Structures are given as structure tokens and as C-alpha cells.
Amino acid sequence: MTDRTVNDKNREPLAALVGSVPALVSNLIKAEIDQVKTKAAHLGSYAGKGAVFVVLALIFLFFAIGTLVAVAILALSLVLPAWLSALIVFVLFLLIAVVLALIGLRFFKKMNADPNPIESLKKDIRAVKGEGEYDRY
């Protein structure tokens, strides 16, 4: 708000200020509902992205287990170069699975990073009661 708007509000009669309360409360409720919608959209987005990366990590883990089986079979045949190359492929798949899992977990952790609309509403109620921190004009 500009200083002019604040000064205009200071000059309005009490009846006009009380008359503007329903519109202000209505705007506050609409803003809180919009904030809840935004939080739900962010939660869905982060959960979806996290799930995709976890599924990708599980796919690579599946191939890593298959590669480990190939390593055991090749180790029994005592052909060291094939054994070593199969082990290198296994480690590569395992590293890819770990990186994808960590990326997926990071998206899951971001789900709670957004501000909570319930806390914002409680803060607004405390402000109406005259408690807590809020801006005064």
C-alpha cells in the first residue's frame, strides 16, 4: 500500500471501515484457497517426479542384479577379462541407480518445502485477535 492509501484509510469514518471488513475477509479467504491449490499442485508435481526417478532407479537396479548374476557365472569360468568387464558394468548400473534414487528422494523432500497454508491462516487469525506479529498502519 502507498502512503496515500494509508492516509486515506485513516481519514475514513469507522462505519466505512467496518463496512469494508466483509470484502477484506472474502479476499483473505480467496487468497488462502488459492494458496492451498498451489500447494496441492506442487505436492503432486514433486511426488510425480520423485516417483519417476525411483522407478527408473528400480529398473537400473534390476539390470544391476542381472549383471551381478553374469559376474558370478563368468567368475566361475575363470576368464578374468570377461569377469572384470561384467563387474565394471555392474558397478556402473549400481552408480546410476544410486544417482537416480537420490534425485528422486530430493524431489520427495521438496514436497514439504512450500509454506503451509494452515499456518498462514492461523497467523491471520492471531493478527485479527491482535496477537503475534503483523503489520500495523
C-alpha atoms as a PDB file:
ATOM      1  CA  MET A   1       0.000   0.000   0.000  1.00  0.00           C
ATOM      2  CA  THR A   2       1.162   3.531  -0.645  1.00  0.00           C
ATOM      3  CA  ASP A   3       1.272   6.259   1.992  1.00  0.00           C
ATOM      4  CA  ARG A   4      -1.643   7.951   0.307  1.00  0.00           C
ATOM      5  CA  THR A   5      -3.824   4.857   0.641  1.00  0.00           C
ATOM      6  CA  VAL A   6      -2.885   4.516   4.319  1.00  0.00           C
ATOM      7  CA  ASN A   7      -3.675   8.196   4.939  1.00  0.00           C
ATOM      8  CA  ASP A   8      -6.997   7.833   3.108  1.00  0.00           C
ATOM      9  CA  LYS A   9      -7.871   4.852   5.340  1.00  0.00           C
ATOM     10  CA  ASN A  10      -7.017   6.913   8.432  1.00  0.00           C
ATOM     11  CA  ARG A  11      -9.492   9.586   7.366  1.00  0.00           C
ATOM     12  CA  GLU A  12     -12.409   7.244   6.644  1.00  0.00           C
ATOM     13  CA  PRO A  13     -15.200   7.067   9.209  1.00  0.00           C
ATOM     14  CA  LEU A  14     -15.483   3.961  11.373  1.00  0.00           C
ATOM     15  CA  ALA A  15     -18.672   2.821   9.627  1.00  0.00           C
ATOM     16  CA  ALA A  16     -16.923   2.790   6.249  1.00  0.00           C
ATOM     17  CA  LEU A  17     -14.011   0.830   7.676  1.00  0.00           C
ATOM     18  CA  VAL A  18     -16.342  -1.705   9.287  1.00  0.00           C
ATOM     19  CA  GLY A  19     -18.243  -1.937   6.007  1.00  0.00           C
ATOM     20  CA  SER A  20     -15.049  -2.896   4.186  1.00  0.00           C
ATOM     21  CA  VAL A  21     -14.341  -5.827   6.561  1.00  0.00           C
ATOM     22  CA  PRO A  22     -16.511  -8.404   4.690  1.00  0.00           C
ATOM     23  CA  ALA A  23     -14.726  -7.679   1.417  1.00  0.00           C
ATOM     24  CA  LEU A  24     -11.340  -7.940   3.126  1.00  0.00           C
ATOM     25  CA  VAL A  25     -12.287 -11.239   4.781  1.00  0.00           C
ATOM     26  CA  SER A  26     -13.612 -12.550   1.474  1.00  0.00           C
ATOM     27  CA  ASN A  27     -10.357 -11.594  -0.275  1.00  0.00           C
ATOM     28  CA  LEU A  28      -8.361 -13.230   2.524  1.00  0.00           C
ATOM     29  CA  ILE A  29     -10.327 -16.480   2.219  1.00  0.00           C
ATOM     30  CA  LYS A  30      -9.901 -16.489  -1.577  1.00  0.00           C
ATOM     31  CA  ALA A  31      -6.165 -15.940  -1.190  1.00  0.00           C
ATOM     32  CA  GLU A  32      -5.916 -18.807   1.312  1.00  0.00           C
ATOM     33  CA  ILE A  33      -7.849 -21.134  -1.027  1.00  0.00           C
ATOM     34  CA  ASP A  34      -5.534 -20.185  -3.909  1.00  0.00           C
ATOM     35  CA  GLN A  35      -2.545 -20.932  -1.679  1.00  0.00           C
ATOM     36  CA  VAL A  36      -3.957 -24.392  -0.835  1.00  0.00           C
ATOM     37  CA  LYS A  37      -4.489 -25.096  -4.550  1.00  0.00           C
ATOM     38  CA  THR A  38      -0.916 -24.054  -5.325  1.00  0.00           C
ATOM     39  CA  LYS A  39       0.473 -26.263  -2.547  1.00  0.00           C
ATOM     40  CA  ALA A  40      -1.537 -29.248  -3.815  1.00  0.00           C
ATOM     41  CA  ALA A  41      -0.230 -28.694  -7.340  1.00  0.00           C
ATOM     42  CA  HIS A  42       3.360 -28.525  -6.076  1.00  0.00           C
ATOM     43  CA  LEU A  43       2.903 -31.671  -3.983  1.00  0.00           C
ATOM     44  CA  GLY A  44       1.556 -33.559  -6.985  1.00  0.00           C
ATOM     45  CA  SER A  45       4.361 -32.322  -9.199  1.00  0.00           C
ATOM     46  CA  TYR A  46       7.122 -33.266  -6.760  1.00  0.00           C
ATOM     47  CA  ALA A  47       5.544 -36.636  -5.952  1.00  0.00           C
ATOM     48  CA  GLY A  48       5.206 -37.465  -9.656  1.00  0.00           C
ATOM     49  CA  LYS A  49       8.778 -36.507 -10.481  1.00  0.00           C
ATOM     50  CA  GLY A  50      10.088 -38.342  -7.423  1.00  0.00           C
ATOM     51  CA  ALA A  51       8.138 -41.478  -8.339  1.00  0.00           C
ATOM     52  CA  VAL A  52       9.512 -41.435 -11.909  1.00  0.00           C
ATOM     53  CA  PHE A  53      13.106 -41.287 -10.671  1.00  0.00           C
ATOM     54  CA  VAL A  54      12.523 -44.020  -8.077  1.00  0.00           C
ATOM     55  CA  VAL A  55      11.015 -46.272 -10.780  1.00  0.00           C
ATOM     56  CA  LEU A  56      13.996 -45.556 -13.043  1.00  0.00           C
ATOM     57  CA  ALA A  57      16.337 -46.407 -10.161  1.00  0.00           C
ATOM     58  CA  LEU A  58      14.493 -49.701  -9.622  1.00  0.00           C
ATOM     59  CA  ILE A  59      14.789 -50.551 -13.322  1.00  0.00           C
ATOM     60  CA  PHE A  60      18.537 -49.944 -13.232  1.00  0.00           C
ATOM     61  CA  LEU A  61      18.762 -51.961 -10.002  1.00  0.00           C
ATOM     62  CA  PHE A  62      17.001 -54.824 -11.791  1.00  0.00           C
ATOM     63  CA  PHE A  63      19.643 -54.747 -14.529  1.00  0.00           C
ATOM     64  CA  ALA A  64      22.390 -54.453 -11.903  1.00  0.00           C
ATOM     65  CA  ILE A  65      21.218 -57.681 -10.268  1.00  0.00           C
ATOM     66  CA  GLY A  66      21.201 -59.391 -13.680  1.00  0.00           C
ATOM     67  CA  THR A  67      24.710 -58.139 -14.252  1.00  0.00           C
ATOM     68  CA  LEU A  68      25.786 -59.478 -10.862  1.00  0.00           C
ATOM     69  CA  VAL A  69      24.484 -62.884 -11.902  1.00  0.00           C
ATOM     70  CA  ALA A  70      26.508 -62.605 -15.106  1.00  0.00           C
ATOM     71  CA  VAL A  71      29.571 -61.708 -13.000  1.00  0.00           C
ATOM     72  CA  ALA A  72      29.127 -64.837 -10.881  1.00  0.00           C
ATOM     73  CA  ILE A  73      28.739 -67.030 -13.948  1.00  0.00           C
ATOM     74  CA  LEU A  74      31.767 -65.514 -15.664  1.00  0.00           C
ATOM     75  CA  ALA A  75      33.833 -65.699 -12.468  1.00  0.00           C
ATOM     76  CA  LEU A  76      33.195 -69.401 -12.325  1.00  0.00           C
ATOM     77  CA  SER A  77      34.538 -69.787 -15.815  1.00  0.00           C
ATOM     78  CA  LEU A  78      37.735 -68.052 -14.617  1.00  0.00           C
ATOM     79  CA  VAL A  79      38.029 -65.814 -17.621  1.00  0.00           C
ATOM     80  CA  LEU A  80      39.352 -62.715 -15.922  1.00  0.00           C
ATOM     81  CA  PRO A  81      38.809 -60.100 -18.669  1.00  0.00           C
ATOM     82  CA  ALA A  82      35.121 -61.015 -19.109  1.00  0.00           C
ATOM     83  CA  TRP A  83      34.702 -61.198 -15.343  1.00  0.00           C
ATOM     84  CA  LEU A  84      36.239 -57.782 -14.855  1.00  0.00           C
ATOM     85  CA  SER A  85      34.200 -56.182 -17.626  1.00  0.00           C
ATOM     86  CA  ALA A  86      30.977 -57.651 -16.226  1.00  0.00           C
ATOM     87  CA  LEU A  87      31.882 -56.310 -12.773  1.00  0.00           C
ATOM     88  CA  ILE A  88      32.525 -52.864 -14.241  1.00  0.00           C
ATOM     89  CA  VAL A  89      29.074 -52.912 -15.893  1.00  0.00           C
ATOM     90  CA  PHE A  90      27.518 -53.940 -12.586  1.00  0.00           C
ATOM     91  CA  VAL A  91      29.186 -51.059 -10.746  1.00  0.00           C
ATOM     92  CA  LEU A  92      28.087 -48.648 -13.482  1.00  0.00           C
ATOM     93  CA  PHE A  93      24.445 -49.767 -13.220  1.00  0.00           C
ATOM     94  CA  LEU A  94      24.632 -49.549  -9.436  1.00  0.00           C
ATOM     95  CA  LEU A  95      26.003 -45.998  -9.547  1.00  0.00           C
ATOM     96  CA  ILE A  96      23.271 -44.942 -11.977  1.00  0.00           C
ATOM     97  CA  ALA A  97      20.628 -46.450  -9.681  1.00  0.00           C
ATOM     98  CA  VAL A  98      22.058 -44.582  -6.660  1.00  0.00           C
ATOM     99  CA  VAL A  99      22.146 -41.247  -8.502  1.00  0.00           C
ATOM    100  CA  LEU A 100      18.560 -41.645  -9.760  1.00  0.00           C
ATOM    101  CA  ALA A 101      17.346 -42.671  -6.294  1.00  0.00           C
ATOM    102  CA  LEU A 102      18.997 -39.626  -4.723  1.00  0.00           C
ATOM    103  CA  ILE A 103      17.422 -37.330  -7.315  1.00  0.00           C
ATOM    104  CA  GLY A 104      14.024 -38.929  -6.646  1.00  0.00           C
ATOM    105  CA  LEU A 105      14.431 -38.520  -2.888  1.00  0.00           C
ATOM    106  CA  ARG A 106      15.333 -34.871  -3.366  1.00  0.00           C
ATOM    107  CA  PHE A 107      12.010 -34.311  -5.151  1.00  0.00           C
ATOM    108  CA  PHE A 108      10.156 -36.082  -2.334  1.00  0.00           C
ATOM    109  CA  LYS A 109      11.884 -33.850   0.235  1.00  0.00           C
ATOM    110  CA  LYS A 110      10.827 -30.736  -1.698  1.00  0.00           C
ATOM    111  CA  MET A 111       7.187 -31.662  -1.137  1.00  0.00           C
ATOM    112  CA  ASN A 112       7.271 -30.145   2.359  1.00  0.00           C
ATOM    113  CA  ALA A 113       9.369 -27.127   1.436  1.00  0.00           C
ATOM    114  CA  ASP A 114       6.397 -24.976   0.411  1.00  0.00           C
ATOM    115  CA  PRO A 115       4.722 -22.759   3.034  1.00  0.00           C
ATOM    116  CA  ASN A 116       1.837 -24.356   4.870  1.00  0.00           C
ATOM    117  CA  PRO A 117      -1.480 -22.535   4.197  1.00  0.00           C
ATOM    118  CA  ILE A 118      -2.895 -23.707   7.548  1.00  0.00           C
ATOM    119  CA  GLU A 119      -0.078 -21.920   9.403  1.00  0.00           C
ATOM    120  CA  SER A 120      -0.713 -18.811   7.316  1.00  0.00           C
ATOM    121  CA  LEU A 121      -4.404 -18.918   8.230  1.00  0.00           C
ATOM    122  CA  LYS A 122      -3.569 -19.335  11.933  1.00  0.00           C
ATOM    123  CA  LYS A 123      -1.241 -16.344  11.684  1.00  0.00           C
ATOM    124  CA  ASP A 124      -4.047 -14.298  10.087  1.00  0.00           C
ATOM    125  CA  ILE A 125      -6.443 -15.277  12.879  1.00  0.00           C
ATOM    126  CA  ARG A 126      -3.854 -14.288  15.514  1.00  0.00           C
ATOM    127  CA  ALA A 127      -3.430 -10.951  13.726  1.00  0.00           C
ATOM    128  CA  VAL A 128      -7.192 -10.327  13.798  1.00  0.00           C
ATOM    129  CA  LYS A 129      -7.159 -11.070  17.537  1.00  0.00           C
ATOM    130  CA  GLY A 130      -4.257  -8.654  17.965  1.00  0.00           C
ATOM    131  CA  GLU A 131      -1.751 -11.346  18.894  1.00  0.00           C
ATOM    132  CA  GLY A 132       1.522 -12.271  17.255  1.00  0.00           C
ATOM    133  CA  GLU A 133       3.441 -10.466  14.536  1.00  0.00           C
ATOM    134  CA  TYR A 134       1.628  -8.441  11.904  1.00  0.00           C
ATOM    135  CA  ASP A 135       1.898  -5.107  10.096  1.00  0.00           C
ATOM    136  CA  ARG A 136       0.150  -2.108  11.611  1.00  0.00           C
ATOM    137  CA  TYR A 137      -0.753   1.008   9.696  1.00  0.00           C
END
